[in-house]
C-alpha atoms as a PDB file:
ATOM      1  CA  MET A   1      52.659 -48.571 -32.185  1.00  0.00           C
ATOM      2  CA  LYS A   2      55.228 -46.359 -30.099  1.00  0.00           C
ATOM      3  CA  VAL A   3      56.526 -44.520 -33.026  1.00  0.00           C
ATOM      4  CA  ILE A   4      52.985 -43.112 -34.278  1.00  0.00           C
ATOM      5  CA  LEU A   5      51.872 -42.637 -30.387  1.00  0.00           C
ATOM      6  CA  LEU A   6      54.975 -40.478 -29.679  1.00  0.00           C
ATOM      7  CA  THR A   7      54.850 -38.294 -32.565  1.00  0.00           C
ATOM      8  CA  MET A   8      51.112 -37.726 -31.719  1.00  0.00           C
ATOM      9  CA  LYS A   9      51.357 -36.733 -27.777  1.00  0.00           C
ATOM     10  CA  ASP A  10      49.362 -33.542 -28.309  1.00  0.00           C
ATOM     11  CA  GLN A  11      46.621 -35.404 -29.932  1.00  0.00           C
ATOM     12  CA  LYS A  12      44.053 -37.640 -28.134  1.00  0.00           C
ATOM     13  CA  ILE A  13      43.880 -41.251 -29.701  1.00  0.00           C
ATOM     14  CA  ASN A  14      40.592 -42.698 -28.851  1.00  0.00           C
ATOM     15  CA  ILE A  15      39.581 -46.368 -29.612  1.00  0.00           C
ATOM     16  CA  LEU A  16      38.162 -45.922 -32.978  1.00  0.00           C
ATOM     17  CA  ASP A  17      41.721 -44.149 -33.824  1.00  0.00           C
ATOM     18  CA  ARG A  18      43.776 -46.890 -32.446  1.00  0.00           C
ATOM     19  CA  ALA A  19      41.706 -49.503 -34.592  1.00  0.00           C
ATOM     20  CA  HIS A  20      42.411 -47.541 -37.765  1.00  0.00           C
ATOM     21  CA  LEU A  21      45.971 -47.648 -36.622  1.00  0.00           C
ATOM     22  CA  VAL A  22      46.162 -51.139 -36.205  1.00  0.00           C
ATOM     23  CA  PHE A  23      44.598 -51.670 -39.262  1.00  0.00           C
ATOM     24  CA  LEU A  24      46.758 -49.519 -41.325  1.00  0.00           C
ATOM     25  CA  SER A  25      49.540 -50.922 -39.781  1.00  0.00           C
ATOM     26  CA  PHE A  26      48.885 -54.342 -40.474  1.00  0.00           C
ATOM     27  CA  PHE A  27      48.700 -55.386 -37.032  1.00  0.00           C
ATOM     28  CA  GLY A  28      52.015 -53.445 -35.903  1.00  0.00           C
ATOM     29  CA  THR A  29      54.143 -54.668 -38.769  1.00  0.00           C
ATOM     30  CA  GLY A  30      54.417 -51.187 -40.287  1.00  0.00           C
ATOM     31  CA  TYR A  31      56.099 -50.118 -37.044  1.00  0.00           C
ATOM     32  CA  SER A  32      59.193 -52.281 -38.070  1.00  0.00           C
ATOM     33  CA  PRO A  33      62.249 -49.915 -37.597  1.00  0.00           C
ATOM     34  CA  LYS A  34      63.503 -50.971 -41.026  1.00  0.00           C
ATOM     35  CA  ALA A  35      61.811 -51.644 -44.214  1.00  0.00           C
ATOM     36  CA  PRO A  36      58.300 -51.698 -43.124  1.00  0.00           C
ATOM     37  CA  GLY A  37      56.735 -52.120 -46.689  1.00  0.00           C
ATOM     38  CA  THR A  38      58.857 -55.165 -47.167  1.00  0.00           C
ATOM     39  CA  VAL A  39      57.945 -56.206 -43.593  1.00  0.00           C
ATOM     40  CA  GLY A  40      54.114 -55.415 -44.368  1.00  0.00           C
ATOM     41  CA  SER A  41      54.544 -57.359 -47.604  1.00  0.00           C
ATOM     42  CA  PHE A  42      56.117 -60.338 -45.809  1.00  0.00           C
ATOM     43  CA  ALA A  43      53.729 -60.716 -43.367  1.00  0.00           C
ATOM     44  CA  THR A  44      50.983 -60.958 -45.868  1.00  0.00           C
ATOM     45  CA  ILE A  45      52.125 -64.217 -46.927  1.00  0.00           C
ATOM     46  CA  PRO A  46      50.619 -66.414 -44.156  1.00  0.00           C
ATOM     47  CA  PHE A  47      47.111 -65.112 -44.500  1.00  0.00           C
ATOM     48  CA  MET A  48      47.791 -65.892 -48.687  1.00  0.00           C
ATOM     49  CA  PHE A  49      48.457 -69.235 -47.183  1.00  0.00           C
ATOM     50  CA  LEU A  50      45.199 -69.497 -45.086  1.00  0.00           C
ATOM     51  CA  PHE A  51      43.364 -68.376 -48.177  1.00  0.00           C
ATOM     52  CA  SER A  52      44.899 -71.068 -50.266  1.00  0.00           C
ATOM     53  CA  THR A  53      44.384 -73.966 -47.394  1.00  0.00           C
ATOM     54  CA  PHE A  54      40.783 -72.960 -47.197  1.00  0.00           C
ATOM     55  CA  ASN A  55      40.288 -73.097 -50.968  1.00  0.00           C
ATOM     56  CA  LEU A  56      38.316 -69.725 -50.956  1.00  0.00           C
ATOM     57  CA  SER A  57      36.866 -68.896 -54.400  1.00  0.00           C
ATOM     58  CA  LEU A  58      38.515 -66.485 -56.692  1.00  0.00           C
ATOM     59  CA  ASN A  59      35.338 -64.202 -56.541  1.00  0.00           C
ATOM     60  CA  PHE A  60      35.529 -64.179 -52.827  1.00  0.00           C
ATOM     61  CA  LEU A  61      39.295 -63.021 -52.877  1.00  0.00           C
ATOM     62  CA  ILE A  62      38.265 -60.410 -55.477  1.00  0.00           C
ATOM     63  CA  GLY A  63      35.389 -59.357 -53.352  1.00  0.00           C
ATOM     64  CA  PHE A  64      37.641 -59.174 -50.106  1.00  0.00           C
ATOM     65  CA  ILE A  65      40.345 -57.196 -51.849  1.00  0.00           C
ATOM     66  CA  ILE A  66      37.766 -54.799 -53.250  1.00  0.00           C
ATOM     67  CA  VAL A  67      36.362 -54.290 -49.642  1.00  0.00           C
ATOM     68  CA  LEU A  68      39.798 -54.073 -48.091  1.00  0.00           C
ATOM     69  CA  THR A  69      40.834 -51.404 -50.633  1.00  0.00           C
ATOM     70  CA  VAL A  70      37.909 -49.364 -49.973  1.00  0.00           C
ATOM     71  CA  MET A  71      38.176 -49.346 -46.166  1.00  0.00           C
ATOM     72  CA  ALA A  72      42.215 -48.816 -46.618  1.00  0.00           C
ATOM     73  CA  CYS A  73      41.275 -45.666 -48.731  1.00  0.00           C
ATOM     74  CA  TYR A  74      38.697 -44.250 -46.071  1.00  0.00           C
ATOM     75  CA  SER A  75      40.915 -45.260 -43.025  1.00  0.00           C
ATOM     76  CA  ALA A  76      44.028 -43.993 -44.489  1.00  0.00           C
ATOM     77  CA  HIS A  77      42.436 -40.572 -45.385  1.00  0.00           C
ATOM     78  CA  TYR A  78      40.709 -40.041 -41.818  1.00  0.00           C
ATOM     79  CA  ILE A  79      44.193 -40.832 -40.105  1.00  0.00           C
ATOM     80  CA  GLN A  80      45.976 -38.466 -42.654  1.00  0.00           C
ATOM     81  CA  GLU A  81      43.546 -35.874 -42.154  1.00  0.00           C
ATOM     82  CA  LYS A  82      43.342 -35.857 -38.434  1.00  0.00           C
ATOM     83  CA  PHE A  83      46.984 -36.348 -37.690  1.00  0.00           C
ATOM     84  CA  LYS A  84      48.287 -34.025 -40.574  1.00  0.00           C
ATOM     85  CA  THR A  85      50.450 -36.540 -42.360  1.00  0.00           C
ATOM     86  CA  HIS A  86      50.632 -37.768 -45.783  1.00  0.00           C
ATOM     87  CA  ASP A  87      51.740 -41.424 -46.827  1.00  0.00           C
ATOM     88  CA  PRO A  88      53.625 -42.339 -43.584  1.00  0.00           C
ATOM     89  CA  GLY A  89      55.967 -45.448 -43.769  1.00  0.00           C
ATOM     90  CA  TRP A  90      53.847 -47.167 -41.134  1.00  0.00           C
ATOM     91  CA  ILE A  91      50.705 -47.469 -43.565  1.00  0.00           C
ATOM     92  CA  VAL A  92      51.699 -50.715 -45.059  1.00  0.00           C
ATOM     93  CA  ILE A  93      47.928 -51.982 -45.501  1.00  0.00           C
ATOM     94  CA  ASP A  94      48.515 -50.880 -49.143  1.00  0.00           C
ATOM     95  CA  GLU A  95      51.266 -53.615 -49.418  1.00  0.00           C
ATOM     96  CA  VAL A  96      49.159 -56.064 -48.370  1.00  0.00           C
ATOM     97  CA  ILE A  97      46.458 -55.416 -50.939  1.00  0.00           C
ATOM     98  CA  GLY A  98      49.239 -55.001 -53.356  1.00  0.00           C
ATOM     99  CA  MET A  99      50.619 -58.602 -52.473  1.00  0.00           C
ATOM    100  CA  LEU A 100      46.944 -60.196 -52.685  1.00  0.00           C
ATOM    101  CA  ILE A 101      46.171 -58.378 -56.253  1.00  0.00           C
ATOM    102  CA  THR A 102      49.540 -59.831 -57.475  1.00  0.00           C
ATOM    103  CA  TRP A 103      48.565 -63.417 -56.291  1.00  0.00           C
ATOM    104  CA  LEU A 104      45.038 -62.700 -57.902  1.00  0.00           C
ATOM    105  CA  PHE A 105      46.913 -63.339 -61.291  1.00  0.00           C
ATOM    106  CA  ILE A 106      48.350 -66.939 -60.268  1.00  0.00           C
ATOM    107  CA  TYR A 107      45.398 -67.845 -57.364  1.00  0.00           C
ATOM    108  CA  PRO A 108      45.010 -70.263 -55.936  1.00  0.00           C
ATOM    109  CA  SER A 109      48.852 -71.352 -56.731  1.00  0.00           C
ATOM    110  CA  PHE A 110      50.792 -71.270 -53.462  1.00  0.00           C
ATOM    111  CA  ASP A 111      54.111 -73.001 -53.968  1.00  0.00           C
ATOM    112  CA  LEU A 112      57.149 -71.369 -52.449  1.00  0.00           C
ATOM    113  CA  GLN A 113      58.807 -70.457 -55.967  1.00  0.00           C
ATOM    114  CA  SER A 114      55.688 -68.578 -57.015  1.00  0.00           C
ATOM    115  CA  ILE A 115      55.115 -66.938 -53.692  1.00  0.00           C
ATOM    116  CA  PHE A 116      59.207 -65.803 -53.657  1.00  0.00           C
ATOM    117  CA  ILE A 117      59.044 -64.534 -57.209  1.00  0.00           C
ATOM    118  CA  LEU A 118      55.458 -62.667 -56.492  1.00  0.00           C
ATOM    119  CA  PHE A 119      57.079 -60.942 -53.286  1.00  0.00           C
ATOM    120  CA  ILE A 120      60.385 -60.069 -55.456  1.00  0.00           C
ATOM    121  CA  LEU A 121      58.046 -58.743 -58.147  1.00  0.00           C
ATOM    122  CA  PHE A 122      55.685 -56.737 -55.980  1.00  0.00           C
ATOM    123  CA  ARG A 123      58.257 -55.171 -53.921  1.00  0.00           C
ATOM    124  CA  PHE A 124      60.151 -54.094 -57.187  1.00  0.00           C
ATOM    125  CA  PHE A 125      56.985 -52.525 -58.805  1.00  0.00           C
ATOM    126  CA  ASP A 126      55.996 -50.866 -55.341  1.00  0.00           C
ATOM    127  CA  ILE A 127      59.612 -49.175 -55.142  1.00  0.00           C
ATOM    128  CA  VAL A 128      60.205 -48.241 -58.651  1.00  0.00           C
ATOM    129  CA  LYS A 129      56.591 -47.015 -59.124  1.00  0.00           C
ATOM    130  CA  ILE A 130      55.958 -47.227 -62.984  1.00  0.00           C
ATOM    131  CA  PHE A 131      53.313 -45.191 -64.271  1.00  0.00           C
ATOM    132  CA  PRO A 132      50.389 -44.284 -63.562  1.00  0.00           C
ATOM    133  CA  ALA A 133      51.803 -45.776 -60.046  1.00  0.00           C
ATOM    134  CA  ASN A 134      54.439 -42.894 -59.533  1.00  0.00           C
ATOM    135  CA  PHE A 135      51.501 -40.179 -60.887  1.00  0.00           C
ATOM    136  CA  ILE A 136      49.005 -41.455 -58.288  1.00  0.00           C
ATOM    137  CA  ASP A 137      51.609 -41.220 -55.546  1.00  0.00           C
ATOM    138  CA  LYS A 138      52.942 -37.582 -56.319  1.00  0.00           C
ATOM    139  CA  ASN A 139      49.392 -36.027 -57.055  1.00  0.00           C
ATOM    140  CA  VAL A 140      46.633 -37.886 -55.425  1.00  0.00           C
ATOM    141  CA  LYS A 141      47.245 -36.369 -51.581  1.00  0.00           C
ATOM    142  CA  ASN A 142      44.337 -38.318 -49.970  1.00  0.00           C
ATOM    143  CA  GLY A 143      43.817 -41.910 -48.779  1.00  0.00           C
ATOM    144  CA  ALA A 144      43.323 -43.207 -52.290  1.00  0.00           C
ATOM    145  CA  GLY A 145      46.453 -41.593 -53.260  1.00  0.00           C
ATOM    146  CA  THR A 146      48.134 -43.783 -50.345  1.00  0.00           C
ATOM    147  CA  ILE A 147      46.667 -46.780 -50.971  1.00  0.00           C
ATOM    148  CA  LEU A 148      46.432 -46.871 -54.834  1.00  0.00           C
ATOM    149  CA  ASP A 149      49.750 -46.670 -56.222  1.00  0.00           C
ATOM    150  CA  ASP A 150      50.133 -50.137 -54.551  1.00  0.00           C
ATOM    151  CA  VAL A 151      47.234 -51.279 -56.781  1.00  0.00           C
ATOM    152  CA  VAL A 152      48.653 -50.457 -59.843  1.00  0.00           C
ATOM    153  CA  SER A 153      51.986 -51.989 -58.777  1.00  0.00           C
ATOM    154  CA  GLY A 154      50.287 -55.366 -57.889  1.00  0.00           C
ATOM    155  CA  ILE A 155      48.591 -55.064 -61.382  1.00  0.00           C
ATOM    156  CA  TYR A 156      51.967 -54.887 -62.937  1.00  0.00           C
ATOM    157  CA  ALA A 157      53.663 -57.378 -60.792  1.00  0.00           C
ATOM    158  CA  GLY A 158      50.544 -59.824 -61.343  1.00  0.00           C
ATOM    159  CA  LEU A 159      50.963 -59.204 -65.330  1.00  0.00           C
ATOM    160  CA  ILE A 160      54.618 -60.410 -65.185  1.00  0.00           C
ATOM    161  CA  LEU A 161      53.968 -63.157 -62.872  1.00  0.00           C
ATOM    162  CA  TYR A 162      50.856 -64.413 -64.846  1.00  0.00           C
ATOM    163  CA  GLY A 163      53.523 -64.439 -68.074  1.00  0.00           C
ATOM    164  CA  CYS A 164      56.027 -66.377 -66.020  1.00  0.00           C
ATOM    165  CA  LYS A 165      53.284 -68.987 -65.091  1.00  0.00           C
ATOM    166  CA  TYR A 166      51.783 -69.107 -68.383  1.00  0.00           C
ATOM    167  CA  PHE A 167      55.172 -69.501 -70.146  1.00  0.00           C
ATOM    168  CA  SER A 168      56.403 -72.000 -67.867  1.00  0.00           C
ATOM    169  CA  ILE A 169      59.421 -69.775 -66.854  1.00  0.00           C
ATOM    170  CA  ILE A 170      58.558 -70.559 -63.069  1.00  0.00           C
END
């Protein structure tokens, strides 16, 4: 959290702002000095394991992702407006959401091979940003723009992952 706090020296950071920063950085993983998006994506895997272990329903996971996405859009918009920034690298909650969306396509499967391929596919689509993800990333200048490009990337990755499972490629 030092990185963001150092760039915001002149601005007061209250407890609510700190909560937003912790949430958006996914418990600080977004402050990784190298590849924060990859670190945030990787940090999602233990949470996926917990969802799988507790055998939560698909409907619960869908509802959780929807609530998480709405909260992330609001929180990203609030922080970006307050601190006059747009889509900073330390915001990685969008990667978490994208990973969870990708996983929806094979839920509740949680074998190492599938999770590895899920991770690679999501990171690929998140980096490449195929339309409309690239359009959202470049043209939507609010909290939703920060989050929703990864939703699209998660859907693309999930479709490929589902196809791989369906045709027994993995």
